[in-house]
Every structure is written in C-alpha cells, then in structure tokens.
Amino acid sequence: MTKKTAARPEVGIDSYIVGGMSNAYSKTLQMGECERLKLKKETAQYIHRMTADLCVMAAKADMEFLAYLIDMARIESYDRAHDQKLDEKMSVG
C-alpha cells in the first residue's frame, strides 16, 4: 500500500516547515532576488508569531530566563520583518 502525501508548496515559509530545510534551501537557490527577500520577510513574520506564543508559554511555566531569551528572538524577528531597507529592495526588484 502506498502512502499518499499532501502537495508541497513551491515557495514560501511552508517550504521550510513541510519540506524540510534541505528541500527549501535548494528552492531558494533557484529564486530571484525579489522572491528571496519576500521569503526572508515571511520567515521573520512567522518566527515573530511563534516566539510570541512560546514566550507566553515559558512565562506561564515560571521559566523566566527562557521567556526572556525567547522574547529577545521575538524582538529580533519583528525588527527583521519590518526592516525598511528590505522593503525598499523589494519595491525596486
């Protein structure tokens, strides 16, 4: 009996989650500059959402230092997702 798998997205953050890092990395090599910048922004937005949830979970479990570290990652991902230079490069490309 053969196992059916769901169709995988060609490009986007789902490539990292569904297809694994090596599959997604090979796809990014084939992308144009504008597509790579868009993926970078989407990845940062995804990490921001995930770390926000993880930070709350860690804080509720009285893991203060872990919550602090995760919050630093959340702040960094927010900054990357809202990088003005990245937006300018995307609008040019």
PDB file of N, CA and C in Angstrom:
ATOM      1  N   MET A   1       0.837  -1.168   0.000  1.00  0.00           N
ATOM      2  CA  MET A   1       0.000   0.000   0.000  1.00  0.00           C
ATOM      3  C   MET A   1       0.892   1.244   0.000  1.00  0.00           C
ATOM      4  N   THR A   2       0.636   2.171  -0.898  1.00  0.00           N
ATOM      5  CA  THR A   2       1.443   3.381  -0.968  1.00  0.00           C
ATOM      6  C   THR A   2       0.805   4.481  -0.143  1.00  0.00           C
ATOM      7  N   LYS A   3       1.650   5.238   0.486  1.00  0.00           N
ATOM      8  CA  LYS A   3       1.189   6.334   1.326  1.00  0.00           C
ATOM      9  C   LYS A   3       1.091   7.607   0.495  1.00  0.00           C
ATOM     10  N   LYS A   4      -0.074   8.235   0.509  1.00  0.00           N
ATOM     11  CA  LYS A   4      -0.269   9.484  -0.221  1.00  0.00           C
ATOM     12  C   LYS A   4       0.177  10.639   0.664  1.00  0.00           C
ATOM     13  N   THR A   5       0.894  11.574   0.062  1.00  0.00           N
ATOM     14  CA  THR A   5       1.338  12.757   0.794  1.00  0.00           C
ATOM     15  C   THR A   5       0.673  13.990   0.214  1.00  0.00           C
ATOM     16  N   ALA A   6       0.515  14.979   1.058  1.00  0.00           N
ATOM     17  CA  ALA A   6      -0.090  16.245   0.623  1.00  0.00           C
ATOM     18  C   ALA A   6       0.864  16.969  -0.309  1.00  0.00           C
ATOM     19  N   ALA A   7       0.309  17.737  -1.222  1.00  0.00           N
ATOM     20  CA  ALA A   7       1.126  18.529  -2.141  1.00  0.00           C
ATOM     21  C   ALA A   7       1.906  19.561  -1.346  1.00  0.00           C
ATOM     22  N   ARG A   8       3.163  19.734  -1.697  1.00  0.00           N
ATOM     23  CA  ARG A   8       4.017  20.699  -1.021  1.00  0.00           C
ATOM     24  C   ARG A   8       4.047  22.012  -1.785  1.00  0.00           C
ATOM     25  N   PRO A   9       4.061  23.121  -1.059  1.00  0.00           N
ATOM     26  CA  PRO A   9       4.136  24.415  -1.742  1.00  0.00           C
ATOM     27  C   PRO A   9       5.489  24.597  -2.418  1.00  0.00           C
ATOM     28  N   GLU A  10       5.491  25.331  -3.514  1.00  0.00           N
ATOM     29  CA  GLU A  10       6.722  25.569  -4.263  1.00  0.00           C
ATOM     30  C   GLU A  10       7.647  26.540  -3.544  1.00  0.00           C
ATOM     31  N   VAL A  11       7.076  27.636  -3.069  1.00  0.00           N
ATOM     32  CA  VAL A  11       7.878  28.700  -2.463  1.00  0.00           C
ATOM     33  C   VAL A  11       7.129  29.195  -1.243  1.00  0.00           C
ATOM     34  N   GLY A  12       7.856  29.687  -0.272  1.00  0.00           N
ATOM     35  CA  GLY A  12       7.238  30.291   0.902  1.00  0.00           C
ATOM     36  C   GLY A  12       7.710  29.642   2.175  1.00  0.00           C
ATOM     37  N   ILE A  13       7.272  30.194   3.279  1.00  0.00           N
ATOM     38  CA  ILE A  13       7.693  29.704   4.581  1.00  0.00           C
ATOM     39  C   ILE A  13       7.274  28.262   4.784  1.00  0.00           C
ATOM     40  N   ASP A  14       6.170  27.836   4.176  1.00  0.00           N
ATOM     41  CA  ASP A  14       5.729  26.449   4.313  1.00  0.00           C
ATOM     42  C   ASP A  14       6.760  25.473   3.775  1.00  0.00           C
ATOM     43  N   SER A  15       7.597  25.902   2.853  1.00  0.00           N
ATOM     44  CA  SER A  15       8.640  25.026   2.328  1.00  0.00           C
ATOM     45  C   SER A  15       9.585  24.594   3.437  1.00  0.00           C
ATOM     46  N   TYR A  16       9.873  25.493   4.352  1.00  0.00           N
ATOM     47  CA  TYR A  16      10.759  25.163   5.463  1.00  0.00           C
ATOM     48  C   TYR A  16      10.091  24.191   6.426  1.00  0.00           C
ATOM     49  N   ILE A  17       8.816  24.393   6.661  1.00  0.00           N
ATOM     50  CA  ILE A  17       8.110  23.590   7.639  1.00  0.00           C
ATOM     51  C   ILE A  17       7.763  22.219   7.067  1.00  0.00           C
ATOM     52  N   VAL A  18       7.183  22.187   5.890  1.00  0.00           N
ATOM     53  CA  VAL A  18       6.719  20.948   5.296  1.00  0.00           C
ATOM     54  C   VAL A  18       7.839  20.187   4.604  1.00  0.00           C
ATOM     55  N   GLY A  19       8.643  20.876   3.828  1.00  0.00           N
ATOM     56  CA  GLY A  19       9.634  20.203   3.006  1.00  0.00           C
ATOM     57  C   GLY A  19      10.967  19.965   3.666  1.00  0.00           C
ATOM     58  N   GLY A  20      11.206  20.537   4.803  1.00  0.00           N
ATOM     59  CA  GLY A  20      12.492  20.376   5.456  1.00  0.00           C
ATOM     60  C   GLY A  20      13.478  21.404   4.942  1.00  0.00           C
ATOM     61  N   MET A  21      14.512  21.616   5.708  1.00  0.00           N
ATOM     62  CA  MET A  21      15.481  22.657   5.387  1.00  0.00           C
ATOM     63  C   MET A  21      16.225  22.410   4.080  1.00  0.00           C
ATOM     64  N   SER A  22      16.648  21.188   3.821  1.00  0.00           N
ATOM     65  CA  SER A  22      17.439  20.950   2.610  1.00  0.00           C
ATOM     66  C   SER A  22      16.607  21.186   1.352  1.00  0.00           C
ATOM     67  N   ASN A  23      15.355  20.776   1.378  1.00  0.00           N
ATOM     68  CA  ASN A  23      14.464  20.984   0.242  1.00  0.00           C
ATOM     69  C   ASN A  23      14.218  22.474   0.027  1.00  0.00           C
ATOM     70  N   ALA A  24      13.955  23.186   1.097  1.00  0.00           N
ATOM     71  CA  ALA A  24      13.697  24.621   1.000  1.00  0.00           C
ATOM     72  C   ALA A  24      14.944  25.371   0.551  1.00  0.00           C
ATOM     73  N   TYR A  25      16.103  24.957   1.051  1.00  0.00           N
ATOM     74  CA  TYR A  25      17.349  25.630   0.673  1.00  0.00           C
ATOM     75  C   TYR A  25      17.607  25.492  -0.819  1.00  0.00           C
ATOM     76  N   SER A  26      17.384  24.307  -1.373  1.00  0.00           N
ATOM     77  CA  SER A  26      17.615  24.133  -2.806  1.00  0.00           C
ATOM     78  C   SER A  26      16.647  24.984  -3.622  1.00  0.00           C
ATOM     79  N   LYS A  27      15.441  25.180  -3.111  1.00  0.00           N
ATOM     80  CA  LYS A  27      14.472  26.037  -3.807  1.00  0.00           C
ATOM     81  C   LYS A  27      14.888  27.508  -3.745  1.00  0.00           C
ATOM     82  N   THR A  28      15.466  27.931  -2.614  1.00  0.00           N
ATOM     83  CA  THR A  28      15.866  29.333  -2.508  1.00  0.00           C
ATOM     84  C   THR A  28      17.003  29.660  -3.464  1.00  0.00           C
ATOM     85  N   LEU A  29      17.823  28.672  -3.778  1.00  0.00           N
ATOM     86  CA  LEU A  29      18.904  28.904  -4.738  1.00  0.00           C
ATOM     87  C   LEU A  29      18.366  29.198  -6.132  1.00  0.00           C
ATOM     88  N   GLN A  30      17.169  28.708  -6.433  1.00  0.00           N
ATOM     89  CA  GLN A  30      16.569  28.899  -7.745  1.00  0.00           C
ATOM     90  C   GLN A  30      15.714  30.163  -7.816  1.00  0.00           C
ATOM     91  N   MET A  31      15.516  30.851  -6.705  1.00  0.00           N
ATOM     92  CA  MET A  31      14.665  32.036  -6.660  1.00  0.00           C
ATOM     93  C   MET A  31      15.403  33.272  -7.141  1.00  0.00           C
ATOM     94  N   GLY A  32      14.625  34.237  -7.583  1.00  0.00           N
ATOM     95  CA  GLY A  32      15.169  35.547  -7.906  1.00  0.00           C
ATOM     96  C   GLY A  32      15.358  36.350  -6.626  1.00  0.00           C
ATOM     97  N   GLU A  33      16.022  37.477  -6.726  1.00  0.00           N
ATOM     98  CA  GLU A  33      16.319  38.304  -5.558  1.00  0.00           C
ATOM     99  C   GLU A  33      15.045  38.765  -4.849  1.00  0.00           C
ATOM    100  N   CYS A  34      14.052  39.193  -5.596  1.00  0.00           N
ATOM    101  CA  CYS A  34      12.808  39.684  -5.000  1.00  0.00           C
ATOM    102  C   CYS A  34      12.087  38.561  -4.247  1.00  0.00           C
ATOM    103  N   GLU A  35      12.072  37.361  -4.810  1.00  0.00           N
ATOM    104  CA  GLU A  35      11.438  36.225  -4.142  1.00  0.00           C
ATOM    105  C   GLU A  35      12.171  35.873  -2.850  1.00  0.00           C
ATOM    106  N   ARG A  36      13.505  35.923  -2.877  1.00  0.00           N
ATOM    107  CA  ARG A  36      14.295  35.628  -1.670  1.00  0.00           C
ATOM    108  C   ARG A  36      14.013  36.656  -0.577  1.00  0.00           C
ATOM    109  N   LEU A  37      13.912  37.916  -0.950  1.00  0.00           N
ATOM    110  CA  LEU A  37      13.621  38.958   0.031  1.00  0.00           C
ATOM    111  C   LEU A  37      12.227  38.774   0.634  1.00  0.00           C
ATOM    112  N   LYS A  38      11.274  38.405  -0.201  1.00  0.00           N
ATOM    113  CA  LYS A  38       9.912  38.154   0.274  1.00  0.00           C
ATOM    114  C   LYS A  38       9.902  36.972   1.241  1.00  0.00           C
ATOM    115  N   LEU A  39      10.627  35.914   0.912  1.00  0.00           N
ATOM    116  CA  LEU A  39      10.704  34.749   1.785  1.00  0.00           C
ATOM    117  C   LEU A  39      11.356  35.113   3.116  1.00  0.00           C
ATOM    118  N   LYS A  40      12.385  35.945   3.067  1.00  0.00           N
ATOM    119  CA  LYS A  40      13.062  36.385   4.286  1.00  0.00           C
ATOM    120  C   LYS A  40      12.081  37.125   5.196  1.00  0.00           C
ATOM    121  N   LYS A  41      11.296  38.010   4.604  1.00  0.00           N
ATOM    122  CA  LYS A  41      10.305  38.772   5.371  1.00  0.00           C
ATOM    123  C   LYS A  41       9.230  37.841   5.945  1.00  0.00           C
ATOM    124  N   GLU A  42       8.722  36.919   5.141  1.00  0.00           N
ATOM    125  CA  GLU A  42       7.702  35.974   5.607  1.00  0.00           C
ATOM    126  C   GLU A  42       8.242  35.089   6.726  1.00  0.00           C
ATOM    127  N   THR A  43       9.490  34.677   6.611  1.00  0.00           N
ATOM    128  CA  THR A  43      10.111  33.851   7.640  1.00  0.00           C
ATOM    129  C   THR A  43      10.216  34.606   8.944  1.00  0.00           C
ATOM    130  N   ALA A  44      10.640  35.858   8.884  1.00  0.00           N
ATOM    131  CA  ALA A  44      10.749  36.678  10.087  1.00  0.00           C
ATOM    132  C   ALA A  44       9.370  36.884  10.728  1.00  0.00           C
ATOM    133  N   GLN A  45       8.344  37.093   9.914  1.00  0.00           N
ATOM    134  CA  GLN A  45       6.988  37.259  10.441  1.00  0.00           C
ATOM    135  C   GLN A  45       6.508  35.980  11.130  1.00  0.00           C
ATOM    136  N   TYR A  46       6.805  34.844  10.530  1.00  0.00           N
ATOM    137  CA  TYR A  46       6.414  33.553  11.104  1.00  0.00           C
ATOM    138  C   TYR A  46       7.130  33.331  12.437  1.00  0.00           C
ATOM    139  N   ILE A  47       8.427  33.592  12.469  1.00  0.00           N
ATOM    140  CA  ILE A  47       9.194  33.422  13.702  1.00  0.00           C
ATOM    141  C   ILE A  47       8.663  34.355  14.783  1.00  0.00           C
ATOM    142  N   HIS A  48       8.301  35.567  14.403  1.00  0.00           N
ATOM    143  CA  HIS A  48       7.744  36.515  15.369  1.00  0.00           C
ATOM    144  C   HIS A  48       6.466  35.969  15.993  1.00  0.00           C
ATOM    145  N   ARG A  49       5.570  35.435  15.173  1.00  0.00           N
ATOM    146  CA  ARG A  49       4.318  34.877  15.700  1.00  0.00           C
ATOM    147  C   ARG A  49       4.585  33.692  16.628  1.00  0.00           C
ATOM    148  N   MET A  50       5.477  32.800  16.216  1.00  0.00           N
ATOM    149  CA  MET A  50       5.763  31.604  17.008  1.00  0.00           C
ATOM    150  C   MET A  50       6.446  31.957  18.331  1.00  0.00           C
ATOM    151  N   THR A  51       7.403  32.849  18.300  1.00  0.00           N
ATOM    152  CA  THR A  51       8.113  33.199  19.528  1.00  0.00           C
ATOM    153  C   THR A  51       7.219  33.955  20.505  1.00  0.00           C
ATOM    154  N   ALA A  52       6.250  34.692  19.983  1.00  0.00           N
ATOM    155  CA  ALA A  52       5.307  35.368  20.879  1.00  0.00           C
ATOM    156  C   ALA A  52       4.545  34.330  21.695  1.00  0.00           C
ATOM    157  N   ASP A  53       4.078  33.284  21.045  1.00  0.00           N
ATOM    158  CA  ASP A  53       3.360  32.211  21.743  1.00  0.00           C
ATOM    159  C   ASP A  53       4.279  31.468  22.709  1.00  0.00           C
ATOM    160  N   LEU A  54       5.504  31.167  22.268  1.00  0.00           N
ATOM    161  CA  LEU A  54       6.454  30.454  23.119  1.00  0.00           C
ATOM    162  C   LEU A  54       6.833  31.266  24.352  1.00  0.00           C
ATOM    163  N   CYS A  55       6.952  32.555  24.185  1.00  0.00           N
ATOM    164  CA  CYS A  55       7.299  33.435  25.304  1.00  0.00           C
ATOM    165  C   CYS A  55       6.207  33.384  26.377  1.00  0.00           C
ATOM    166  N   VAL A  56       4.967  33.444  25.958  1.00  0.00           N
ATOM    167  CA  VAL A  56       3.845  33.364  26.897  1.00  0.00           C
ATOM    168  C   VAL A  56       3.858  32.015  27.613  1.00  0.00           C
ATOM    169  N   MET A  57       4.076  30.942  26.855  1.00  0.00           N
ATOM    170  CA  MET A  57       4.113  29.608  27.456  1.00  0.00           C
ATOM    171  C   MET A  57       5.212  29.500  28.503  1.00  0.00           C
ATOM    172  N   ALA A  58       6.399  29.983  28.182  1.00  0.00           N
ATOM    173  CA  ALA A  58       7.525  29.923  29.111  1.00  0.00           C
ATOM    174  C   ALA A  58       7.242  30.749  30.363  1.00  0.00           C
ATOM    175  N   ALA A  59       6.667  31.924  30.186  1.00  0.00           N
ATOM    176  CA  ALA A  59       6.356  32.777  31.342  1.00  0.00           C
ATOM    177  C   ALA A  59       5.315  32.118  32.248  1.00  0.00           C
ATOM    178  N   LYS A  60       4.295  31.511  31.656  1.00  0.00           N
ATOM    179  CA  LYS A  60       3.258  30.836  32.451  1.00  0.00           C
ATOM    180  C   LYS A  60       3.816  29.633  33.205  1.00  0.00           C
ATOM    181  N   ALA A  61       4.883  29.043  32.689  1.00  0.00           N
ATOM    182  CA  ALA A  61       5.506  27.884  33.336  1.00  0.00           C
ATOM    183  C   ALA A  61       6.627  28.317  34.294  1.00  0.00           C
ATOM    184  N   ASP A  62       6.687  29.608  34.614  1.00  0.00           N
ATOM    185  CA  ASP A  62       7.698  30.159  35.525  1.00  0.00           C
ATOM    186  C   ASP A  62       9.127  29.900  35.056  1.00  0.00           C
ATOM    187  N   MET A  63       9.325  29.980  33.754  1.00  0.00           N
ATOM    188  CA  MET A  63      10.664  29.850  33.173  1.00  0.00           C
ATOM    189  C   MET A  63      11.090  31.243  32.707  1.00  0.00           C
ATOM    190  N   GLU A  64      11.423  32.079  33.674  1.00  0.00           N
ATOM    191  CA  GLU A  64      11.666  33.491  33.404  1.00  0.00           C
ATOM    192  C   GLU A  64      12.814  33.720  32.424  1.00  0.00           C
ATOM    193  N   PHE A  65      13.936  33.036  32.662  1.00  0.00           N
ATOM    194  CA  PHE A  65      15.091  33.264  31.799  1.00  0.00           C
ATOM    195  C   PHE A  65      14.816  32.777  30.379  1.00  0.00           C
ATOM    196  N   LEU A  66      14.163  31.638  30.259  1.00  0.00           N
ATOM    197  CA  LEU A  66      13.806  31.132  28.928  1.00  0.00           C
ATOM    198  C   LEU A  66      12.842  32.106  28.242  1.00  0.00           C
ATOM    199  N   ALA A  67      11.875  32.616  28.977  1.00  0.00           N
ATOM    200  CA  ALA A  67      10.937  33.596  28.419  1.00  0.00           C
ATOM    201  C   ALA A  67      11.688  34.837  27.941  1.00  0.00           C
ATOM    202  N   TYR A  68      12.679  35.267  28.706  1.00  0.00           N
ATOM    203  CA  TYR A  68      13.494  36.420  28.325  1.00  0.00           C
ATOM    204  C   TYR A  68      14.237  36.160  27.012  1.00  0.00           C
ATOM    205  N   LEU A  69      14.883  35.002  26.908  1.00  0.00           N
ATOM    206  CA  LEU A  69      15.629  34.670  25.680  1.00  0.00           C
ATOM    207  C   LEU A  69      14.706  34.579  24.469  1.00  0.00           C
ATOM    208  N   ILE A  70      13.566  33.947  24.649  1.00  0.00           N
ATOM    209  CA  ILE A  70      12.611  33.828  23.549  1.00  0.00           C
ATOM    210  C   ILE A  70      12.094  35.206  23.161  1.00  0.00           C
ATOM    211  N   ASP A  71      11.886  36.061  24.151  1.00  0.00           N
ATOM    212  CA  ASP A  71      11.420  37.413  23.854  1.00  0.00           C
ATOM    213  C   ASP A  71      12.458  38.187  23.054  1.00  0.00           C
ATOM    214  N   MET A  72      13.729  37.967  23.323  1.00  0.00           N
ATOM    215  CA  MET A  72      14.787  38.609  22.527  1.00  0.00           C
ATOM    216  C   MET A  72      14.696  38.143  21.064  1.00  0.00           C
ATOM    217  N   ALA A  73      14.445  36.871  20.853  1.00  0.00           N
ATOM    218  CA  ALA A  73      14.274  36.350  19.492  1.00  0.00           C
ATOM    219  C   ALA A  73      13.028  36.952  18.840  1.00  0.00           C
ATOM    220  N   ARG A  74      11.971  37.140  19.637  1.00  0.00           N
ATOM    221  CA  ARG A  74      10.744  37.749  19.111  1.00  0.00           C
ATOM    222  C   ARG A  74      11.004  39.183  18.659  1.00  0.00           C
ATOM    223  N   ILE A  75      11.727  39.937  19.472  1.00  0.00           N
ATOM    224  CA  ILE A  75      12.041  41.320  19.123  1.00  0.00           C
ATOM    225  C   ILE A  75      12.908  41.384  17.866  1.00  0.00           C
ATOM    226  N   GLU A  76      13.914  40.529  17.792  1.00  0.00           N
ATOM    227  CA  GLU A  76      14.791  40.499  16.614  1.00  0.00           C
ATOM    228  C   GLU A  76      14.016  40.133  15.354  1.00  0.00           C
ATOM    229  N   SER A  77      13.144  39.144  15.454  1.00  0.00           N
ATOM    230  CA  SER A  77      12.373  38.751  14.269  1.00  0.00           C
ATOM    231  C   SER A  77      11.410  39.856  13.844  1.00  0.00           C
ATOM    232  N   TYR A  78      10.856  40.588  14.809  1.00  0.00           N
ATOM    233  CA  TYR A  78       9.993  41.722  14.475  1.00  0.00           C
ATOM    234  C   TYR A  78      10.785  42.778  13.712  1.00  0.00           C
ATOM    235  N   ASP A  79      11.982  43.074  14.218  1.00  0.00           N
ATOM    236  CA  ASP A  79      12.828  44.065  13.545  1.00  0.00           C
ATOM    237  C   ASP A  79      13.161  43.637  12.122  1.00  0.00           C
ATOM    238  N   ARG A  80      13.459  42.363  11.941  1.00  0.00           N
ATOM    239  CA  ARG A  80      13.775  41.851  10.598  1.00  0.00           C
ATOM    240  C   ARG A  80      12.552  41.892   9.686  1.00  0.00           C
ATOM    241  N   ALA A  81      11.385  41.592  10.225  1.00  0.00           N
ATOM    242  CA  ALA A  81      10.160  41.595   9.426  1.00  0.00           C
ATOM    243  C   ALA A  81       9.762  43.003   8.992  1.00  0.00           C
ATOM    244  N   HIS A  82      10.178  43.995   9.763  1.00  0.00           N
ATOM    245  CA  HIS A  82       9.819  45.384   9.466  1.00  0.00           C
ATOM    246  C   HIS A  82      11.032  46.206   9.050  1.00  0.00           C
ATOM    247  N   ASP A  83      11.990  45.553   8.452  1.00  0.00           N
ATOM    248  CA  ASP A  83      13.220  46.204   8.001  1.00  0.00           C
ATOM    249  C   ASP A  83      12.916  47.095   6.799  1.00  0.00           C
ATOM    250  N   GLN A  84      13.113  48.386   6.962  1.00  0.00           N
ATOM    251  CA  GLN A  84      12.807  49.360   5.908  1.00  0.00           C
ATOM    252  C   GLN A  84      13.672  49.137   4.665  1.00  0.00           C
ATOM    253  N   LYS A  85      14.944  48.794   4.863  1.00  0.00           N
ATOM    254  CA  LYS A  85      15.834  48.561   3.726  1.00  0.00           C
ATOM    255  C   LYS A  85      15.377  47.357   2.915  1.00  0.00           C
ATOM    256  N   LEU A  86      14.896  46.331   3.600  1.00  0.00           N
ATOM    257  CA  LEU A  86      14.386  45.144   2.916  1.00  0.00           C
ATOM    258  C   LEU A  86      13.170  45.500   2.071  1.00  0.00           C
ATOM    259  N   ASP A  87      12.266  46.318   2.626  1.00  0.00           N
ATOM    260  CA  ASP A  87      11.090  46.756   1.887  1.00  0.00           C
ATOM    261  C   ASP A  87      11.464  47.561   0.652  1.00  0.00           C
ATOM    262  N   GLU A  88      12.475  48.419   0.794  1.00  0.00           N
ATOM    263  CA  GLU A  88      12.921  49.219  -0.341  1.00  0.00           C
ATOM    264  C   GLU A  88      13.507  48.331  -1.443  1.00  0.00           C
ATOM    265  N   LYS A  89      14.283  47.340  -1.062  1.00  0.00           N
ATOM    266  CA  LYS A  89      14.861  46.427  -2.061  1.00  0.00           C
ATOM    267  C   LYS A  89      13.765  45.653  -2.778  1.00  0.00           C
ATOM    268  N   MET A  90      12.719  45.262  -2.041  1.00  0.00           N
ATOM    269  CA  MET A  90      11.620  44.515  -2.649  1.00  0.00           C
ATOM    270  C   MET A  90      10.849  45.376  -3.641  1.00  0.00           C
ATOM    271  N   SER A  91      10.678  46.662  -3.325  1.00  0.00           N
ATOM    272  CA  SER A  91       9.912  47.533  -4.212  1.00  0.00           C
ATOM    273  C   SER A  91      10.683  47.846  -5.490  1.00  0.00           C
ATOM    274  N   VAL A  92      12.020  47.823  -5.414  1.00  0.00           N
ATOM    275  CA  VAL A  92      12.856  48.083  -6.593  1.00  0.00           C
ATOM    276  C   VAL A  92      12.876  46.858  -7.494  1.00  0.00           C
ATOM    277  N   GLY A  93      13.014  45.668  -6.857  1.00  0.00           N
ATOM    278  CA  GLY A  93      13.163  44.415  -7.597  1.00  0.00           C
ATOM    279  C   GLY A  93      11.899  43.988  -8.197  1.00  0.00           C
TER     280      GLY A  93
END
